[in-house]
Structure formats: structure tokens, C-alpha cells
Amino acid sequence: METDKEILVKGLKIMGISLACLFIGPTLIHIALTNKEKPLYIPILIIAILICALAIFLILKGLNTIIDSMFKKK
């Protein structure tokens, strides 16, 4: 069994994007919750929650892609 390098690189790229989302999402949540009196409180909070959900989805997709590159038969 060999690791498919192209699929592995694709999985690592997905994991890199999820890492960025893991930092951006909670940062936006913190910014939104510390500025409750601002008019953009609700939209920023909704966007932040969506980015956090996207990060979780991308982590699962990236791990699945990496595992497929190692164990899936061609």
C-alpha cells in the first residue's frame, strides 16, 4: 500500500484552511461579544458562528481525505 501524494496534499490544504478558520471564528465571536452596543453585533456574531461551523466541517473533511490517501485502494 502506498500513500497517494496528490490526495494527501489536497487533504493538508483543507486542514490549513480549517486552521485559519479555527483562529478567525473565535476571534470574531470575542469581538462581537465585547461590542454588544454596536449595530453590527448580530451580523458579526452570525458570521463568526458560521466560520466556526465551517472549521469543524473542514477538519472532518480534511481528516477523511488524508485517511483516504493512506488506506483507500485505487
PDB file of N, CA and C in Angstrom:
ATOM      1  N   MET A   1       0.840  -1.179   0.000  1.00  0.00           N
ATOM      2  CA  MET A   1       0.000   0.000   0.000  1.00  0.00           C
ATOM      3  C   MET A   1       0.887   1.246   0.000  1.00  0.00           C
ATOM      4  N   GLU A   2       0.576   2.153  -0.890  1.00  0.00           N
ATOM      5  CA  GLU A   2       1.292   3.414  -0.960  1.00  0.00           C
ATOM      6  C   GLU A   2       0.352   4.569  -0.698  1.00  0.00           C
ATOM      7  N   THR A   3       0.929   5.637  -0.196  1.00  0.00           N
ATOM      8  CA  THR A   3       0.145   6.852   0.018  1.00  0.00           C
ATOM      9  C   THR A   3       0.052   7.625  -1.287  1.00  0.00           C
ATOM     10  N   ASP A   4      -1.165   8.002  -1.645  1.00  0.00           N
ATOM     11  CA  ASP A   4      -1.369   8.824  -2.837  1.00  0.00           C
ATOM     12  C   ASP A   4      -1.020  10.271  -2.480  1.00  0.00           C
ATOM     13  N   LYS A   5       0.086  10.738  -3.016  1.00  0.00           N
ATOM     14  CA  LYS A   5       0.624  12.049  -2.628  1.00  0.00           C
ATOM     15  C   LYS A   5      -0.303  13.204  -3.011  1.00  0.00           C
ATOM     16  N   GLU A   6      -0.946  13.114  -4.168  1.00  0.00           N
ATOM     17  CA  GLU A   6      -1.828  14.205  -4.602  1.00  0.00           C
ATOM     18  C   GLU A   6      -3.017  14.370  -3.663  1.00  0.00           C
ATOM     19  N   ILE A   7      -3.607  13.259  -3.269  1.00  0.00           N
ATOM     20  CA  ILE A   7      -4.750  13.327  -2.356  1.00  0.00           C
ATOM     21  C   ILE A   7      -4.294  13.782  -0.972  1.00  0.00           C
ATOM     22  N   LEU A   8      -3.104  13.363  -0.560  1.00  0.00           N
ATOM     23  CA  LEU A   8      -2.567  13.788   0.733  1.00  0.00           C
ATOM     24  C   LEU A   8      -2.355  15.299   0.763  1.00  0.00           C
ATOM     25  N   VAL A   9      -1.798  15.857  -0.295  1.00  0.00           N
ATOM     26  CA  VAL A   9      -1.583  17.304  -0.364  1.00  0.00           C
ATOM     27  C   VAL A   9      -2.919  18.043  -0.340  1.00  0.00           C
ATOM     28  N   LYS A  10      -3.908  17.490  -1.039  1.00  0.00           N
ATOM     29  CA  LYS A  10      -5.243  18.102  -1.032  1.00  0.00           C
ATOM     30  C   LYS A  10      -5.811  18.121   0.390  1.00  0.00           C
ATOM     31  N   GLY A  11      -5.650  17.021   1.116  1.00  0.00           N
ATOM     32  CA  GLY A  11      -6.123  16.958   2.496  1.00  0.00           C
ATOM     33  C   GLY A  11      -5.393  17.926   3.402  1.00  0.00           C
ATOM     34  N   LEU A  12      -4.092  18.091   3.190  1.00  0.00           N
ATOM     35  CA  LEU A  12      -3.324  19.027   4.013  1.00  0.00           C
ATOM     36  C   LEU A  12      -3.724  20.473   3.718  1.00  0.00           C
ATOM     37  N   LYS A  13      -4.061  20.778   2.473  1.00  0.00           N
ATOM     38  CA  LYS A  13      -4.541  22.123   2.135  1.00  0.00           C
ATOM     39  C   LYS A  13      -5.863  22.405   2.832  1.00  0.00           C
ATOM     40  N   ILE A  14      -6.743  21.416   2.848  1.00  0.00           N
ATOM     41  CA  ILE A  14      -8.031  21.579   3.539  1.00  0.00           C
ATOM     42  C   ILE A  14      -7.796  21.809   5.029  1.00  0.00           C
ATOM     43  N   MET A  15      -6.851  21.075   5.605  1.00  0.00           N
ATOM     44  CA  MET A  15      -6.552  21.252   7.027  1.00  0.00           C
ATOM     45  C   MET A  15      -5.959  22.637   7.297  1.00  0.00           C
ATOM     46  N   GLY A  16      -5.180  23.172   6.361  1.00  0.00           N
ATOM     47  CA  GLY A  16      -4.638  24.521   6.527  1.00  0.00           C
ATOM     48  C   GLY A  16      -5.730  25.574   6.530  1.00  0.00           C
ATOM     49  N   ILE A  17      -6.704  25.409   5.651  1.00  0.00           N
ATOM     50  CA  ILE A  17      -7.832  26.343   5.613  1.00  0.00           C
ATOM     51  C   ILE A  17      -8.636  26.252   6.909  1.00  0.00           C
ATOM     52  N   SER A  18      -8.804  25.024   7.408  1.00  0.00           N
ATOM     53  CA  SER A  18      -9.554  24.865   8.660  1.00  0.00           C
ATOM     54  C   SER A  18      -8.798  25.485   9.829  1.00  0.00           C
ATOM     55  N   LEU A  19      -7.465  25.437   9.792  1.00  0.00           N
ATOM     56  CA  LEU A  19      -6.679  26.062  10.852  1.00  0.00           C
ATOM     57  C   LEU A  19      -6.905  27.572  10.871  1.00  0.00           C
ATOM     58  N   ALA A  20      -6.961  28.174   9.692  1.00  0.00           N
ATOM     59  CA  ALA A  20      -7.246  29.614   9.621  1.00  0.00           C
ATOM     60  C   ALA A  20      -8.635  29.912  10.181  1.00  0.00           C
ATOM     61  N   CYS A  21      -9.608  29.083   9.838  1.00  0.00           N
ATOM     62  CA  CYS A  21     -10.975  29.284  10.348  1.00  0.00           C
ATOM     63  C   CYS A  21     -11.035  29.095  11.865  1.00  0.00           C
ATOM     64  N   LEU A  22     -10.188  28.204  12.392  1.00  0.00           N
ATOM     65  CA  LEU A  22     -10.170  27.981  13.835  1.00  0.00           C
ATOM     66  C   LEU A  22      -9.690  29.215  14.606  1.00  0.00           C
ATOM     67  N   PHE A  23      -8.892  30.051  13.975  1.00  0.00           N
ATOM     68  CA  PHE A  23      -8.457  31.281  14.629  1.00  0.00           C
ATOM     69  C   PHE A  23      -9.414  32.442  14.359  1.00  0.00           C
ATOM     70  N   ILE A  24      -9.919  32.531  13.143  1.00  0.00           N
ATOM     71  CA  ILE A  24     -10.776  33.660  12.770  1.00  0.00           C
ATOM     72  C   ILE A  24     -12.134  33.601  13.479  1.00  0.00           C
ATOM     73  N   GLY A  25     -12.738  32.410  13.536  1.00  0.00           N
ATOM     74  CA  GLY A  25     -14.068  32.270  14.127  1.00  0.00           C
ATOM     75  C   GLY A  25     -14.155  32.714  15.577  1.00  0.00           C
ATOM     76  N   PRO A  26     -13.356  32.130  16.479  1.00  0.00           N
ATOM     77  CA  PRO A  26     -13.424  32.569  17.881  1.00  0.00           C
ATOM     78  C   PRO A  26     -13.009  34.030  18.087  1.00  0.00           C
ATOM     79  N   THR A  27     -12.092  34.525  17.256  1.00  0.00           N
ATOM     80  CA  THR A  27     -11.710  35.931  17.363  1.00  0.00           C
ATOM     81  C   THR A  27     -12.900  36.831  17.045  1.00  0.00           C
ATOM     82  N   LEU A  28     -13.638  36.499  15.988  1.00  0.00           N
ATOM     83  CA  LEU A  28     -14.825  37.290  15.651  1.00  0.00           C
ATOM     84  C   LEU A  28     -15.910  37.173  16.724  1.00  0.00           C
ATOM     85  N   ILE A  29     -16.047  35.991  17.315  1.00  0.00           N
ATOM     86  CA  ILE A  29     -17.022  35.836  18.404  1.00  0.00           C
ATOM     87  C   ILE A  29     -16.644  36.747  19.573  1.00  0.00           C
ATOM     88  N   HIS A  30     -15.363  36.772  19.907  1.00  0.00           N
ATOM     89  CA  HIS A  30     -14.908  37.633  21.003  1.00  0.00           C
ATOM     90  C   HIS A  30     -15.162  39.108  20.685  1.00  0.00           C
ATOM     91  N   ILE A  31     -14.855  39.507  19.451  1.00  0.00           N
ATOM     92  CA  ILE A  31     -15.088  40.893  19.047  1.00  0.00           C
ATOM     93  C   ILE A  31     -16.577  41.236  19.114  1.00  0.00           C
ATOM     94  N   ALA A  32     -17.422  40.322  18.655  1.00  0.00           N
ATOM     95  CA  ALA A  32     -18.864  40.582  18.664  1.00  0.00           C
ATOM     96  C   ALA A  32     -19.402  40.676  20.092  1.00  0.00           C
ATOM     97  N   LEU A  33     -18.945  39.801  20.968  1.00  0.00           N
ATOM     98  CA  LEU A  33     -19.490  39.781  22.332  1.00  0.00           C
ATOM     99  C   LEU A  33     -18.964  40.925  23.197  1.00  0.00           C
ATOM    100  N   THR A  34     -17.837  41.511  22.825  1.00  0.00           N
ATOM    101  CA  THR A  34     -17.349  42.647  23.602  1.00  0.00           C
ATOM    102  C   THR A  34     -17.933  43.976  23.117  1.00  0.00           C
ATOM    103  N   ASN A  35     -18.613  43.979  21.981  1.00  0.00           N
ATOM    104  CA  ASN A  35     -19.207  45.204  21.432  1.00  0.00           C
ATOM    105  C   ASN A  35     -20.705  45.024  21.221  1.00  0.00           C
ATOM    106  N   LYS A  36     -21.413  44.703  22.274  1.00  0.00           N
ATOM    107  CA  LYS A  36     -22.854  44.449  22.146  1.00  0.00           C
ATOM    108  C   LYS A  36     -23.650  45.693  21.798  1.00  0.00           C
ATOM    109  N   GLU A  37     -23.120  46.863  22.069  1.00  0.00           N
ATOM    110  CA  GLU A  37     -23.882  48.091  21.781  1.00  0.00           C
ATOM    111  C   GLU A  37     -23.747  48.548  20.339  1.00  0.00           C
ATOM    112  N   LYS A  38     -22.867  47.947  19.571  1.00  0.00           N
ATOM    113  CA  LYS A  38     -22.668  48.328  18.166  1.00  0.00           C
ATOM    114  C   LYS A  38     -23.796  47.783  17.291  1.00  0.00           C
ATOM    115  N   PRO A  39     -24.104  48.447  16.181  1.00  0.00           N
ATOM    116  CA  PRO A  39     -25.212  47.983  15.326  1.00  0.00           C
ATOM    117  C   PRO A  39     -24.894  46.694  14.548  1.00  0.00           C
ATOM    118  N   LEU A  40     -23.621  46.377  14.372  1.00  0.00           N
ATOM    119  CA  LEU A  40     -23.252  45.166  13.625  1.00  0.00           C
ATOM    120  C   LEU A  40     -23.027  43.952  14.528  1.00  0.00           C
ATOM    121  N   TYR A  41     -23.517  44.010  15.756  1.00  0.00           N
ATOM    122  CA  TYR A  41     -23.326  42.925  16.717  1.00  0.00           C
ATOM    123  C   TYR A  41     -23.883  41.601  16.193  1.00  0.00           C
ATOM    124  N   ILE A  42     -25.126  41.584  15.776  1.00  0.00           N
ATOM    125  CA  ILE A  42     -25.777  40.343  15.327  1.00  0.00           C
ATOM    126  C   ILE A  42     -25.155  39.797  14.037  1.00  0.00           C
ATOM    127  N   PRO A  43     -24.940  40.616  13.000  1.00  0.00           N
ATOM    128  CA  PRO A  43     -24.331  40.054  11.784  1.00  0.00           C
ATOM    129  C   PRO A  43     -22.931  39.479  12.014  1.00  0.00           C
ATOM    130  N   ILE A  44     -22.117  40.164  12.812  1.00  0.00           N
ATOM    131  CA  ILE A  44     -20.765  39.653  13.085  1.00  0.00           C
ATOM    132  C   ILE A  44     -20.838  38.356  13.865  1.00  0.00           C
ATOM    133  N   LEU A  45     -21.747  38.270  14.807  1.00  0.00           N
ATOM    134  CA  LEU A  45     -21.900  37.043  15.586  1.00  0.00           C
ATOM    135  C   LEU A  45     -22.361  35.883  14.715  1.00  0.00           C
ATOM    136  N   ILE A  46     -23.283  36.122  13.811  1.00  0.00           N
ATOM    137  CA  ILE A  46     -23.757  35.066  12.904  1.00  0.00           C
ATOM    138  C   ILE A  46     -22.631  34.603  11.989  1.00  0.00           C
ATOM    139  N   ILE A  47     -21.873  35.548  11.439  1.00  0.00           N
ATOM    140  CA  ILE A  47     -20.753  35.187  10.569  1.00  0.00           C
ATOM    141  C   ILE A  47     -19.712  34.387  11.344  1.00  0.00           C
ATOM    142  N   ALA A  48     -19.436  34.777  12.576  1.00  0.00           N
ATOM    143  CA  ALA A  48     -18.444  34.077  13.394  1.00  0.00           C
ATOM    144  C   ALA A  48     -18.874  32.639  13.683  1.00  0.00           C
ATOM    145  N   ILE A  49     -20.146  32.448  13.988  1.00  0.00           N
ATOM    146  CA  ILE A  49     -20.645  31.093  14.263  1.00  0.00           C
ATOM    147  C   ILE A  49     -20.584  30.242  13.005  1.00  0.00           C
ATOM    148  N   LEU A  50     -20.893  30.833  11.857  1.00  0.00           N
ATOM    149  CA  LEU A  50     -20.790  30.089  10.595  1.00  0.00           C
ATOM    150  C   LEU A  50     -19.346  29.709  10.281  1.00  0.00           C
ATOM    151  N   ILE A  51     -18.397  30.594  10.569  1.00  0.00           N
ATOM    152  CA  ILE A  51     -16.988  30.282  10.339  1.00  0.00           C
ATOM    153  C   ILE A  51     -16.529  29.156  11.264  1.00  0.00           C
ATOM    154  N   CYS A  52     -16.994  29.153  12.506  1.00  0.00           N
ATOM    155  CA  CYS A  52     -16.644  28.061  13.426  1.00  0.00           C
ATOM    156  C   CYS A  52     -17.220  26.734  12.938  1.00  0.00           C
ATOM    157  N   ALA A  53     -18.453  26.751  12.446  1.00  0.00           N
ATOM    158  CA  ALA A  53     -19.054  25.527  11.910  1.00  0.00           C
ATOM    159  C   ALA A  53     -18.297  25.066  10.662  1.00  0.00           C
ATOM    160  N   LEU A  54     -17.883  26.007   9.831  1.00  0.00           N
ATOM    161  CA  LEU A  54     -17.092  25.674   8.643  1.00  0.00           C
ATOM    162  C   LEU A  54     -15.760  25.038   9.037  1.00  0.00           C
ATOM    163  N   ALA A  55     -15.147  25.531  10.100  1.00  0.00           N
ATOM    164  CA  ALA A  55     -13.877  24.966  10.564  1.00  0.00           C
ATOM    165  C   ALA A  55     -14.047  23.507  10.978  1.00  0.00           C
ATOM    166  N   ILE A  56     -15.123  23.209  11.680  1.00  0.00           N
ATOM    167  CA  ILE A  56     -15.374  21.823  12.104  1.00  0.00           C
ATOM    168  C   ILE A  56     -15.610  20.937  10.890  1.00  0.00           C
ATOM    169  N   PHE A  57     -16.385  21.434   9.936  1.00  0.00           N
ATOM    170  CA  PHE A  57     -16.638  20.661   8.716  1.00  0.00           C
ATOM    171  C   PHE A  57     -15.344  20.405   7.952  1.00  0.00           C
ATOM    172  N   LEU A  58     -14.505  21.432   7.819  1.00  0.00           N
ATOM    173  CA  LEU A  58     -13.260  21.277   7.074  1.00  0.00           C
ATOM    174  C   LEU A  58     -12.284  20.338   7.775  1.00  0.00           C
ATOM    175  N   ILE A  59     -12.278  20.342   9.102  1.00  0.00           N
ATOM    176  CA  ILE A  59     -11.430  19.397   9.835  1.00  0.00           C
ATOM    177  C   ILE A  59     -11.839  17.968   9.517  1.00  0.00           C
ATOM    178  N   LEU A  60     -13.137  17.713   9.578  1.00  0.00           N
ATOM    179  CA  LEU A  60     -13.612  16.357   9.294  1.00  0.00           C
ATOM    180  C   LEU A  60     -13.335  15.958   7.848  1.00  0.00           C
ATOM    181  N   LYS A  61     -13.556  16.877   6.920  1.00  0.00           N
ATOM    182  CA  LYS A  61     -13.301  16.588   5.509  1.00  0.00           C
ATOM    183  C   LYS A  61     -11.809  16.384   5.255  1.00  0.00           C
ATOM    184  N   GLY A  62     -10.968  17.199   5.858  1.00  0.00           N
ATOM    185  CA  GLY A  62      -9.525  17.070   5.689  1.00  0.00           C
ATOM    186  C   GLY A  62      -8.994  15.760   6.243  1.00  0.00           C
ATOM    187  N   LEU A  63      -9.456  15.385   7.430  1.00  0.00           N
ATOM    188  CA  LEU A  63      -9.032  14.108   8.007  1.00  0.00           C
ATOM    189  C   LEU A  63      -9.487  12.936   7.151  1.00  0.00           C
ATOM    190  N   ASN A  64     -10.705  13.001   6.650  1.00  0.00           N
ATOM    191  CA  ASN A  64     -11.218  11.940   5.791  1.00  0.00           C
ATOM    192  C   ASN A  64     -10.390  11.837   4.509  1.00  0.00           C
ATOM    193  N   THR A  65     -10.013  12.969   3.931  1.00  0.00           N
ATOM    194  CA  THR A  65      -9.198  12.974   2.717  1.00  0.00           C
ATOM    195  C   THR A  65      -7.810  12.397   2.986  1.00  0.00           C
ATOM    196  N   ILE A  66      -7.214  12.756   4.114  1.00  0.00           N
ATOM    197  CA  ILE A  66      -5.893  12.227   4.456  1.00  0.00           C
ATOM    198  C   ILE A  66      -5.952  10.728   4.691  1.00  0.00           C
ATOM    199  N   ILE A  67      -6.976  10.277   5.377  1.00  0.00           N
ATOM    200  CA  ILE A  67      -7.121   8.832   5.619  1.00  0.00           C
ATOM    201  C   ILE A  67      -7.353   8.097   4.312  1.00  0.00           C
ATOM    202  N   ASP A  68      -8.150   8.689   3.416  1.00  0.00           N
ATOM    203  CA  ASP A  68      -8.360   8.065   2.094  1.00  0.00           C
ATOM    204  C   ASP A  68      -7.067   7.964   1.311  1.00  0.00           C
ATOM    205  N   SER A  69      -6.207   8.961   1.435  1.00  0.00           N
ATOM    206  CA  SER A  69      -4.945   8.922   0.693  1.00  0.00           C
ATOM    207  C   SER A  69      -4.032   7.804   1.182  1.00  0.00           C
ATOM    208  N   MET A  70      -4.188   7.421   2.446  1.00  0.00           N
ATOM    209  CA  MET A  70      -3.321   6.383   3.006  1.00  0.00           C
ATOM    210  C   MET A  70      -3.884   4.974   2.836  1.00  0.00           C
ATOM    211  N   PHE A  71      -5.182   4.820   2.992  1.00  0.00           N
ATOM    212  CA  PHE A  71      -5.743   3.484   3.098  1.00  0.00           C
ATOM    213  C   PHE A  71      -6.660   3.055   1.953  1.00  0.00           C
ATOM    214  N   LYS A  72      -7.128   3.997   1.146  1.00  0.00           N
ATOM    215  CA  LYS A  72      -8.074   3.634   0.083  1.00  0.00           C
ATOM    216  C   LYS A  72      -7.333   2.994  -1.076  1.00  0.00           C
ATOM    217  N   LYS A  73      -7.913   1.898  -1.566  1.00  0.00           N
ATOM    218  CA  LYS A  73      -7.315   1.222  -2.709  1.00  0.00           C
ATOM    219  C   LYS A  73      -7.755   1.906  -3.987  1.00  0.00           C
ATOM    220  N   LYS A  74      -6.891   1.908  -4.978  1.00  0.00           N
ATOM    221  CA  LYS A  74      -7.189   2.550  -6.257  1.00  0.00           C
ATOM    222  C   LYS A  74      -8.053   1.673  -7.129  1.00  0.00           C
TER     223      LYS A  74
END
